[in-house]
C-alpha atoms as a PDB file:
ATOM      1  CA  MET A   1     -83.370 -71.990   8.620  1.00  0.00           C
ATOM      2  CA  LYS A   2     -84.481 -72.611   5.013  1.00  0.00           C
ATOM      3  CA  LYS A   3     -82.324 -69.699   3.862  1.00  0.00           C
ATOM      4  CA  TYR A   4     -79.272 -71.174   5.590  1.00  0.00           C
ATOM      5  CA  ILE A   5     -79.885 -74.619   4.015  1.00  0.00           C
ATOM      6  CA  ALA A   6     -80.350 -73.066   0.572  1.00  0.00           C
ATOM      7  CA  LEU A   7     -77.167 -71.019   1.032  1.00  0.00           C
ATOM      8  CA  PHE A   8     -75.245 -74.133   2.116  1.00  0.00           C
ATOM      9  CA  ILE A   9     -76.404 -76.138  -0.923  1.00  0.00           C
ATOM     10  CA  PHE A  10     -75.600 -73.230  -3.263  1.00  0.00           C
ATOM     11  CA  THR A  11     -72.121 -72.878  -1.740  1.00  0.00           C
ATOM     12  CA  LEU A  12     -71.513 -76.630  -2.053  1.00  0.00           C
ATOM     13  CA  ILE A  13     -72.476 -76.572  -5.737  1.00  0.00           C
ATOM     14  CA  ILE A  14     -70.151 -73.617  -6.344  1.00  0.00           C
ATOM     15  CA  ASP A  15     -67.303 -75.422  -4.544  1.00  0.00           C
ATOM     16  CA  LEU A  16     -67.757 -78.623  -6.564  1.00  0.00           C
ATOM     17  CA  THR A  17     -67.929 -76.671  -9.841  1.00  0.00           C
ATOM     18  CA  SER A  18     -64.822 -74.707  -8.894  1.00  0.00           C
ATOM     19  CA  GLN A  19     -62.979 -77.916  -7.991  1.00  0.00           C
ATOM     20  CA  ALA A  20     -63.935 -79.561 -11.304  1.00  0.00           C
ATOM     21  CA  ASN A  21     -62.624 -76.516 -13.171  1.00  0.00           C
ATOM     22  CA  GLU A  22     -59.254 -76.948 -11.441  1.00  0.00           C
ATOM     23  CA  PHE A  23     -58.848 -80.192 -13.406  1.00  0.00           C
ATOM     24  CA  ASN A  24     -59.679 -78.793 -16.840  1.00  0.00           C
ATOM     25  CA  ASP A  25     -56.012 -78.731 -17.860  1.00  0.00           C
ATOM     26  CA  LEU A  26     -55.275 -82.234 -16.593  1.00  0.00           C
ATOM     27  CA  LYS A  27     -54.299 -84.878 -19.141  1.00  0.00           C
ATOM     28  CA  ILE A  28     -54.068 -88.569 -18.300  1.00  0.00           C
ATOM     29  CA  TYR A  29     -52.003 -91.090 -20.261  1.00  0.00           C
ATOM     30  CA  THR A  30     -51.985 -94.847 -19.889  1.00  0.00           C
ATOM     31  CA  GLU A  31     -51.482 -98.019 -21.922  1.00  0.00           C
ATOM     32  CA  ASN A  32     -53.327-101.312 -22.227  1.00  0.00           C
ATOM     33  CA  ASN A  33     -51.087-103.312 -19.892  1.00  0.00           C
ATOM     34  CA  PRO A  34     -52.851-106.179 -18.054  1.00  0.00           C
ATOM     35  CA  PRO A  35     -53.181-106.837 -15.176  1.00  0.00           C
ATOM     36  CA  TYR A  36     -52.410-103.224 -14.182  1.00  0.00           C
ATOM     37  CA  VAL A  37     -54.502-101.503 -16.844  1.00  0.00           C
ATOM     38  CA  LEU A  38     -57.145-103.171 -19.014  1.00  0.00           C
ATOM     39  CA  VAL A  39     -58.857-101.316 -21.853  1.00  0.00           C
ATOM     40  CA  ASN A  40     -61.943-102.876 -23.431  1.00  0.00           C
ATOM     41  CA  GLU A  41     -63.529-102.224 -26.836  1.00  0.00           C
ATOM     42  CA  LYS A  42     -65.503 -99.304 -25.364  1.00  0.00           C
ATOM     43  CA  ASN A  43     -62.265 -97.731 -24.139  1.00  0.00           C
ATOM     44  CA  GLU A  44     -63.316 -98.377 -20.525  1.00  0.00           C
ATOM     45  CA  ILE A  45     -60.457 -98.645 -18.036  1.00  0.00           C
ATOM     46  CA  SER A  46     -60.059-101.327 -15.361  1.00  0.00           C
ATOM     47  CA  GLY A  47     -57.222-103.384 -13.837  1.00  0.00           C
ATOM     48  CA  LEU A  48     -55.208-103.331 -10.616  1.00  0.00           C
ATOM     49  CA  VAL A  49     -54.126 -99.710 -11.107  1.00  0.00           C
ATOM     50  CA  GLY A  50     -56.643 -98.539 -13.694  1.00  0.00           C
ATOM     51  CA  GLU A  51     -59.570 -99.071 -11.316  1.00  0.00           C
ATOM     52  CA  LYS A  52     -57.887 -96.875  -8.698  1.00  0.00           C
ATOM     53  CA  VAL A  53     -57.620 -94.008 -11.168  1.00  0.00           C
ATOM     54  CA  VAL A  54     -61.226 -94.404 -12.344  1.00  0.00           C
ATOM     55  CA  LYS A  55     -62.475 -94.436  -8.723  1.00  0.00           C
ATOM     56  CA  ALA A  56     -60.384 -91.341  -7.936  1.00  0.00           C
ATOM     57  CA  LEU A  57     -61.926 -89.479 -10.883  1.00  0.00           C
ATOM     58  CA  LYS A  58     -65.418 -90.382  -9.682  1.00  0.00           C
ATOM     59  CA  LYS A  59     -64.675 -89.289  -6.109  1.00  0.00           C
ATOM     60  CA  LEU A  60     -63.411 -85.965  -7.416  1.00  0.00           C
ATOM     61  CA  LYS A  61     -66.514 -85.558  -9.608  1.00  0.00           C
ATOM     62  CA  ILE A  62     -64.397 -85.165 -12.740  1.00  0.00           C
ATOM     63  CA  GLU A  63     -64.970 -88.436 -14.582  1.00  0.00           C
ATOM     64  CA  ASN A  64     -66.577 -86.523 -17.464  1.00  0.00           C
ATOM     65  CA  GLU A  65     -64.140 -83.626 -17.377  1.00  0.00           C
ATOM     66  CA  VAL A  66     -60.998 -85.575 -18.184  1.00  0.00           C
ATOM     67  CA  LYS A  67     -60.388 -88.173 -20.880  1.00  0.00           C
ATOM     68  CA  ILE A  68     -57.922 -90.954 -20.172  1.00  0.00           C
ATOM     69  CA  GLU A  69     -55.855 -91.356 -23.337  1.00  0.00           C
ATOM     70  CA  VAL A  70     -54.512 -94.795 -24.225  1.00  0.00           C
ATOM     71  CA  VAL A  71     -51.319 -94.171 -26.193  1.00  0.00           C
ATOM     72  CA  PRO A  72     -48.012 -95.933 -26.981  1.00  0.00           C
ATOM     73  CA  TRP A  73     -45.706 -95.724 -23.975  1.00  0.00           C
ATOM     74  CA  ALA A  74     -42.907 -93.879 -25.769  1.00  0.00           C
ATOM     75  CA  ARG A  75     -45.328 -91.126 -26.790  1.00  0.00           C
ATOM     76  CA  ALA A  76     -46.779 -90.901 -23.269  1.00  0.00           C
ATOM     77  CA  LEU A  77     -43.302 -90.309 -21.841  1.00  0.00           C
ATOM     78  CA  ILE A  78     -42.485 -87.598 -24.375  1.00  0.00           C
ATOM     79  CA  GLU A  79     -45.761 -85.767 -23.786  1.00  0.00           C
ATOM     80  CA  ALA A  80     -45.505 -86.058 -19.991  1.00  0.00           C
ATOM     81  CA  LYS A  81     -41.984 -84.652 -19.958  1.00  0.00           C
ATOM     82  CA  LYS A  82     -42.857 -81.501 -21.885  1.00  0.00           C
ATOM     83  CA  GLN A  83     -46.256 -80.626 -20.355  1.00  0.00           C
ATOM     84  CA  LYS A  84     -47.413 -79.860 -16.820  1.00  0.00           C
ATOM     85  CA  ASN A  85     -50.561 -81.336 -15.269  1.00  0.00           C
ATOM     86  CA  VAL A  86     -50.110 -84.738 -16.869  1.00  0.00           C
ATOM     87  CA  MET A  87     -50.897 -87.903 -14.936  1.00  0.00           C
ATOM     88  CA  ILE A  88     -49.235 -91.083 -16.201  1.00  0.00           C
ATOM     89  CA  PHE A  89     -49.854 -94.655 -15.053  1.00  0.00           C
ATOM     90  CA  PRO A  90     -48.883 -97.428 -14.500  1.00  0.00           C
ATOM     91  CA  PHE A  91     -45.451 -95.921 -13.821  1.00  0.00           C
ATOM     92  CA  VAL A  92     -42.266 -97.196 -12.162  1.00  0.00           C
ATOM     93  CA  LYS A  93     -39.299 -95.377 -10.642  1.00  0.00           C
ATOM     94  CA  THR A  94     -35.918 -95.316 -12.358  1.00  0.00           C
ATOM     95  CA  LYS A  95     -32.878 -93.138 -11.699  1.00  0.00           C
ATOM     96  CA  GLU A  96     -33.612 -91.019 -14.777  1.00  0.00           C
ATOM     97  CA  ARG A  97     -37.309 -90.551 -13.959  1.00  0.00           C
ATOM     98  CA  LEU A  98     -36.701 -89.655 -10.293  1.00  0.00           C
ATOM     99  CA  GLY A  99     -35.292 -86.304 -11.289  1.00  0.00           C
ATOM    100  CA  ILE A 100     -38.242 -85.499 -13.532  1.00  0.00           C
ATOM    101  CA  PHE A 101     -41.558 -86.950 -12.354  1.00  0.00           C
ATOM    102  CA  ASN A 102     -43.502 -86.755  -9.102  1.00  0.00           C
ATOM    103  CA  PHE A 103     -44.172 -90.324  -7.953  1.00  0.00           C
ATOM    104  CA  ALA A 104     -47.045 -89.196  -5.786  1.00  0.00           C
ATOM    105  CA  ILE A 105     -49.041 -92.396  -5.332  1.00  0.00           C
ATOM    106  CA  LEU A 106     -47.804 -95.943  -4.731  1.00  0.00           C
ATOM    107  CA  ALA A 107     -50.515 -97.959  -6.458  1.00  0.00           C
ATOM    108  CA  TYR A 108     -49.191-101.552  -6.434  1.00  0.00           C
ATOM    109  CA  LYS A 109     -46.213-103.369  -4.890  1.00  0.00           C
ATOM    110  CA  GLN A 110     -44.301-105.998  -6.866  1.00  0.00           C
ATOM    111  CA  THR A 111     -40.804-107.343  -7.628  1.00  0.00           C
ATOM    112  CA  LEU A 112     -39.056-107.900 -10.958  1.00  0.00           C
ATOM    113  CA  ASN A 113     -37.607-111.222 -12.103  1.00  0.00           C
ATOM    114  CA  PHE A 114     -35.653-112.622 -15.012  1.00  0.00           C
ATOM    115  CA  TYR A 115     -37.307-115.603 -16.712  1.00  0.00           C
ATOM    116  CA  LYS A 116     -36.211-118.101 -19.329  1.00  0.00           C
ATOM    117  CA  LEU A 117     -38.240-120.647 -21.237  1.00  0.00           C
ATOM    118  CA  ARG A 118     -38.315-123.906 -19.278  1.00  0.00           C
ATOM    119  CA  ASP A 119     -37.041-125.911 -22.243  1.00  0.00           C
ATOM    120  CA  ALA A 120     -34.152-123.523 -22.954  1.00  0.00           C
ATOM    121  CA  LYS A 121     -30.782-125.210 -22.520  1.00  0.00           C
ATOM    122  CA  GLY A 122     -27.465-123.796 -21.314  1.00  0.00           C
ATOM    123  CA  ILE A 123     -28.827-120.663 -19.598  1.00  0.00           C
ATOM    124  CA  GLU A 124     -27.388-120.199 -16.092  1.00  0.00           C
ATOM    125  CA  VAL A 125     -28.210-116.992 -14.246  1.00  0.00           C
ATOM    126  CA  HIS A 126     -27.193-116.447 -10.610  1.00  0.00           C
ATOM    127  CA  ASN A 127     -26.698-112.669 -10.610  1.00  0.00           C
ATOM    128  CA  LEU A 128     -26.960-109.592 -12.838  1.00  0.00           C
ATOM    129  CA  GLU A 129     -23.536-110.171 -14.377  1.00  0.00           C
ATOM    130  CA  ASP A 130     -24.668-113.612 -15.529  1.00  0.00           C
ATOM    131  CA  ALA A 131     -27.858-112.111 -17.008  1.00  0.00           C
ATOM    132  CA  LYS A 132     -25.769-109.717 -19.120  1.00  0.00           C
ATOM    133  CA  LYS A 133     -24.416-112.683 -21.101  1.00  0.00           C
ATOM    134  CA  TYR A 134     -27.832-113.362 -22.642  1.00  0.00           C
ATOM    135  CA  THR A 135     -30.237-111.387 -24.832  1.00  0.00           C
ATOM    136  CA  THR A 136     -33.146-109.876 -22.888  1.00  0.00           C
ATOM    137  CA  CYS A 137     -36.499-108.797 -24.318  1.00  0.00           C
ATOM    138  CA  VAL A 138     -37.798-105.366 -23.232  1.00  0.00           C
ATOM    139  CA  VAL A 139     -40.281-102.704 -24.312  1.00  0.00           C
ATOM    140  CA  ARG A 140     -38.528 -99.652 -25.738  1.00  0.00           C
ATOM    141  CA  ASN A 141     -38.350 -96.786 -23.184  1.00  0.00           C
ATOM    142  CA  ASP A 142     -40.129 -98.950 -20.608  1.00  0.00           C
ATOM    143  CA  TYR A 143     -38.818 -98.777 -17.013  1.00  0.00           C
ATOM    144  CA  ARG A 144     -37.240-102.236 -17.320  1.00  0.00           C
ATOM    145  CA  HIS A 145     -35.392-101.030 -20.389  1.00  0.00           C
ATOM    146  CA  GLU A 146     -34.096 -98.067 -18.374  1.00  0.00           C
ATOM    147  CA  HIS A 147     -33.083-100.357 -15.496  1.00  0.00           C
ATOM    148  CA  LEU A 148     -31.033-102.539 -17.847  1.00  0.00           C
ATOM    149  CA  LEU A 149     -29.346 -99.578 -19.515  1.00  0.00           C
ATOM    150  CA  GLN A 150     -28.441 -98.129 -16.101  1.00  0.00           C
ATOM    151  CA  ALA A 151     -26.917-101.506 -15.182  1.00  0.00           C
ATOM    152  CA  ASN A 152     -24.879-101.560 -18.446  1.00  0.00           C
ATOM    153  CA  PHE A 153     -26.747-104.358 -20.204  1.00  0.00           C
ATOM    154  CA  SER A 154     -25.861-104.426 -23.911  1.00  0.00           C
ATOM    155  CA  LYS A 155     -27.693-107.502 -25.280  1.00  0.00           C
ATOM    156  CA  ILE A 156     -31.173-105.973 -25.408  1.00  0.00           C
ATOM    157  CA  GLU A 157     -33.987-106.870 -27.826  1.00  0.00           C
ATOM    158  CA  GLU A 158     -36.493-104.003 -28.069  1.00  0.00           C
ATOM    159  CA  THR A 159     -40.164-103.969 -29.039  1.00  0.00           C
ATOM    160  CA  ALA A 160     -42.801-101.224 -28.918  1.00  0.00           C
ATOM    161  CA  GLN A 161     -45.458-103.017 -26.871  1.00  0.00           C
ATOM    162  CA  GLN A 162     -45.552-105.540 -24.005  1.00  0.00           C
ATOM    163  CA  THR A 163     -47.673-108.246 -25.655  1.00  0.00           C
ATOM    164  CA  GLN A 164     -45.313-108.227 -28.643  1.00  0.00           C
ATOM    165  CA  ASN A 165     -42.410-108.329 -26.208  1.00  0.00           C
ATOM    166  CA  VAL A 166     -43.647-111.499 -24.503  1.00  0.00           C
ATOM    167  CA  GLN A 167     -44.525-113.070 -27.857  1.00  0.00           C
ATOM    168  CA  LYS A 168     -40.979-112.386 -29.026  1.00  0.00           C
ATOM    169  CA  PHE A 169     -39.661-114.136 -25.928  1.00  0.00           C
ATOM    170  CA  LEU A 170     -41.942-117.132 -26.520  1.00  0.00           C
ATOM    171  CA  ASN A 171     -40.706-117.292 -30.122  1.00  0.00           C
ATOM    172  CA  LYS A 172     -37.133-117.597 -28.764  1.00  0.00           C
ATOM    173  CA  ARG A 173     -35.957-114.371 -30.361  1.00  0.00           C
ATOM    174  CA  CYS A 174     -34.315-113.563 -27.031  1.00  0.00           C
ATOM    175  CA  GLU A 175     -33.141-115.742 -24.159  1.00  0.00           C
ATOM    176  CA  LEU A 176     -34.474-113.861 -21.131  1.00  0.00           C
ATOM    177  CA  ILE A 177     -37.280-111.530 -20.231  1.00  0.00           C
ATOM    178  CA  ILE A 178     -37.425-109.191 -17.224  1.00  0.00           C
ATOM    179  CA  ILE A 179     -40.932-108.760 -15.843  1.00  0.00           C
ATOM    180  CA  ALA A 180     -43.020-109.066 -12.669  1.00  0.00           C
ATOM    181  CA  GLU A 181     -44.767-112.381 -12.069  1.00  0.00           C
ATOM    182  CA  GLU A 182     -48.211-110.741 -12.136  1.00  0.00           C
ATOM    183  CA  GLY A 183     -47.508-109.123 -15.495  1.00  0.00           C
ATOM    184  CA  LEU A 184     -46.103-112.286 -17.050  1.00  0.00           C
ATOM    185  CA  LYS A 185     -49.085-114.374 -15.920  1.00  0.00           C
ATOM    186  CA  ALA A 186     -51.474-111.893 -17.527  1.00  0.00           C
ATOM    187  CA  LYS A 187     -49.557-111.750 -20.813  1.00  0.00           C
ATOM    188  CA  LEU A 188     -49.200-115.524 -21.057  1.00  0.00           C
ATOM    189  CA  LYS A 189     -52.945-115.900 -20.486  1.00  0.00           C
ATOM    190  CA  GLU A 190     -53.578-113.331 -23.218  1.00  0.00           C
ATOM    191  CA  LEU A 191     -51.373-115.419 -25.518  1.00  0.00           C
ATOM    192  CA  TYR A 192     -53.190-118.646 -24.567  1.00  0.00           C
ATOM    193  CA  SER A 193     -50.330-119.992 -22.480  1.00  0.00           C
ATOM    194  CA  ASN A 194     -49.380-120.232 -18.786  1.00  0.00           C
ATOM    195  CA  MET A 195     -46.482-120.121 -16.314  1.00  0.00           C
ATOM    196  CA  SER A 196     -45.649-123.812 -16.773  1.00  0.00           C
ATOM    197  CA  ILE A 197     -43.557-122.991 -19.861  1.00  0.00           C
ATOM    198  CA  VAL A 198     -41.276-120.484 -18.104  1.00  0.00           C
ATOM    199  CA  GLU A 199     -38.774-120.642 -15.264  1.00  0.00           C
ATOM    200  CA  LYS A 200     -37.719-117.842 -12.928  1.00  0.00           C
ATOM    201  CA  VAL A 201     -33.923-117.657 -12.912  1.00  0.00           C
ATOM    202  CA  LEU A 202     -33.281-114.484 -10.890  1.00  0.00           C
ATOM    203  CA  GLU A 203     -35.201-112.105  -8.630  1.00  0.00           C
ATOM    204  CA  VAL A 204     -33.972-108.527  -8.954  1.00  0.00           C
ATOM    205  CA  PRO A 205     -34.556-106.514  -5.744  1.00  0.00           C
ATOM    206  CA  GLU A 206     -31.986-103.986  -7.025  1.00  0.00           C
ATOM    207  CA  PHE A 207     -34.608-102.718  -9.503  1.00  0.00           C
ATOM    208  CA  ASP A 208     -37.698-100.976  -8.117  1.00  0.00           C
ATOM    209  CA  GLY A 209     -40.652-102.730  -9.726  1.00  0.00           C
ATOM    210  CA  ASN A 210     -43.430-101.048  -7.710  1.00  0.00           C
ATOM    211  CA  ILE A 211     -46.205 -99.397  -9.714  1.00  0.00           C
ATOM    212  CA  TYR A 212     -46.996 -95.709  -9.203  1.00  0.00           C
ATOM    213  CA  ILE A 213     -49.450 -93.067 -10.369  1.00  0.00           C
ATOM    214  CA  ALA A 214     -47.124 -90.208 -11.295  1.00  0.00           C
ATOM    215  CA  PHE A 215     -47.350 -86.579 -12.417  1.00  0.00           C
ATOM    216  CA  SER A 216     -45.328 -84.548 -14.889  1.00  0.00           C
ATOM    217  CA  PRO A 217     -42.880 -81.769 -13.955  1.00  0.00           C
ATOM    218  CA  GLY A 218     -44.544 -78.569 -12.751  1.00  0.00           C
ATOM    219  CA  SER A 219     -47.950 -80.149 -12.148  1.00  0.00           C
ATOM    220  CA  ASP A 220     -50.186 -78.156  -9.808  1.00  0.00           C
ATOM    221  CA  SER A 221     -49.893 -79.229  -6.175  1.00  0.00           C
ATOM    222  CA  PHE A 222     -53.684 -78.889  -5.815  1.00  0.00           C
ATOM    223  CA  ILE A 223     -54.242 -81.626  -8.414  1.00  0.00           C
ATOM    224  CA  ILE A 224     -51.600 -83.928  -6.944  1.00  0.00           C
ATOM    225  CA  ASN A 225     -52.831 -83.505  -3.363  1.00  0.00           C
ATOM    226  CA  LYS A 226     -56.468 -84.109  -4.322  1.00  0.00           C
ATOM    227  CA  PHE A 227     -55.603 -87.370  -6.065  1.00  0.00           C
ATOM    228  CA  LYS A 228     -53.430 -88.465  -3.140  1.00  0.00           C
ATOM    229  CA  GLU A 229     -56.272 -87.683  -0.766  1.00  0.00           C
ATOM    230  CA  VAL A 230     -58.851 -89.817  -2.556  1.00  0.00           C
ATOM    231  CA  THR A 231     -56.573 -92.758  -3.414  1.00  0.00           C
ATOM    232  CA  GLU A 232     -55.073 -93.141   0.053  1.00  0.00           C
ATOM    233  CA  LYS A 233     -58.452 -93.439   1.819  1.00  0.00           C
END
């Protein structure tokens, strides 16, 4: 009996080591984007989606095998497009991305809205065509940017990062911003403000605002299936 127990434990250790090795080539990219991903001064990841990824890594026994890299979103997209076995989060579906990435895991459900500053005068938005009349703040290469381009918006004010994007909106350098309520609340809090200064003018169900954990083209099915398995429990 002791021999069988020892053999079982040895086999289990070999299996876990083998599984960890399967993830050696995996790269993970994210950005500091509250409330979905929060990165503290120790580079520790938390947030509505970040915690799910961290828990998945722990369940798969690979938390020390893979480093989550916090990089500018434009760089993350470029790297993910040209390499296999790249996980990227928080990520949202667009027409362009659907043909490239594997949106394996739905991590958080939400809707997108257009907002204006409450004290802004003369802004009337009842549909997407109305919204096109006004300048809209977006993050360059962000999914909302892609949504607007696909819908033929031309009055777009770009920034490189979401906090700067919201600050630009608050400074009245654009007339509208497109963002989920959860995201806007978090950014306003970060900027020592709150939702009382903004007004929702249009909900946009036409644009998929749900948050996913996605994988780059050609990523190994073993990696994708293992992450799906531990995040869907």
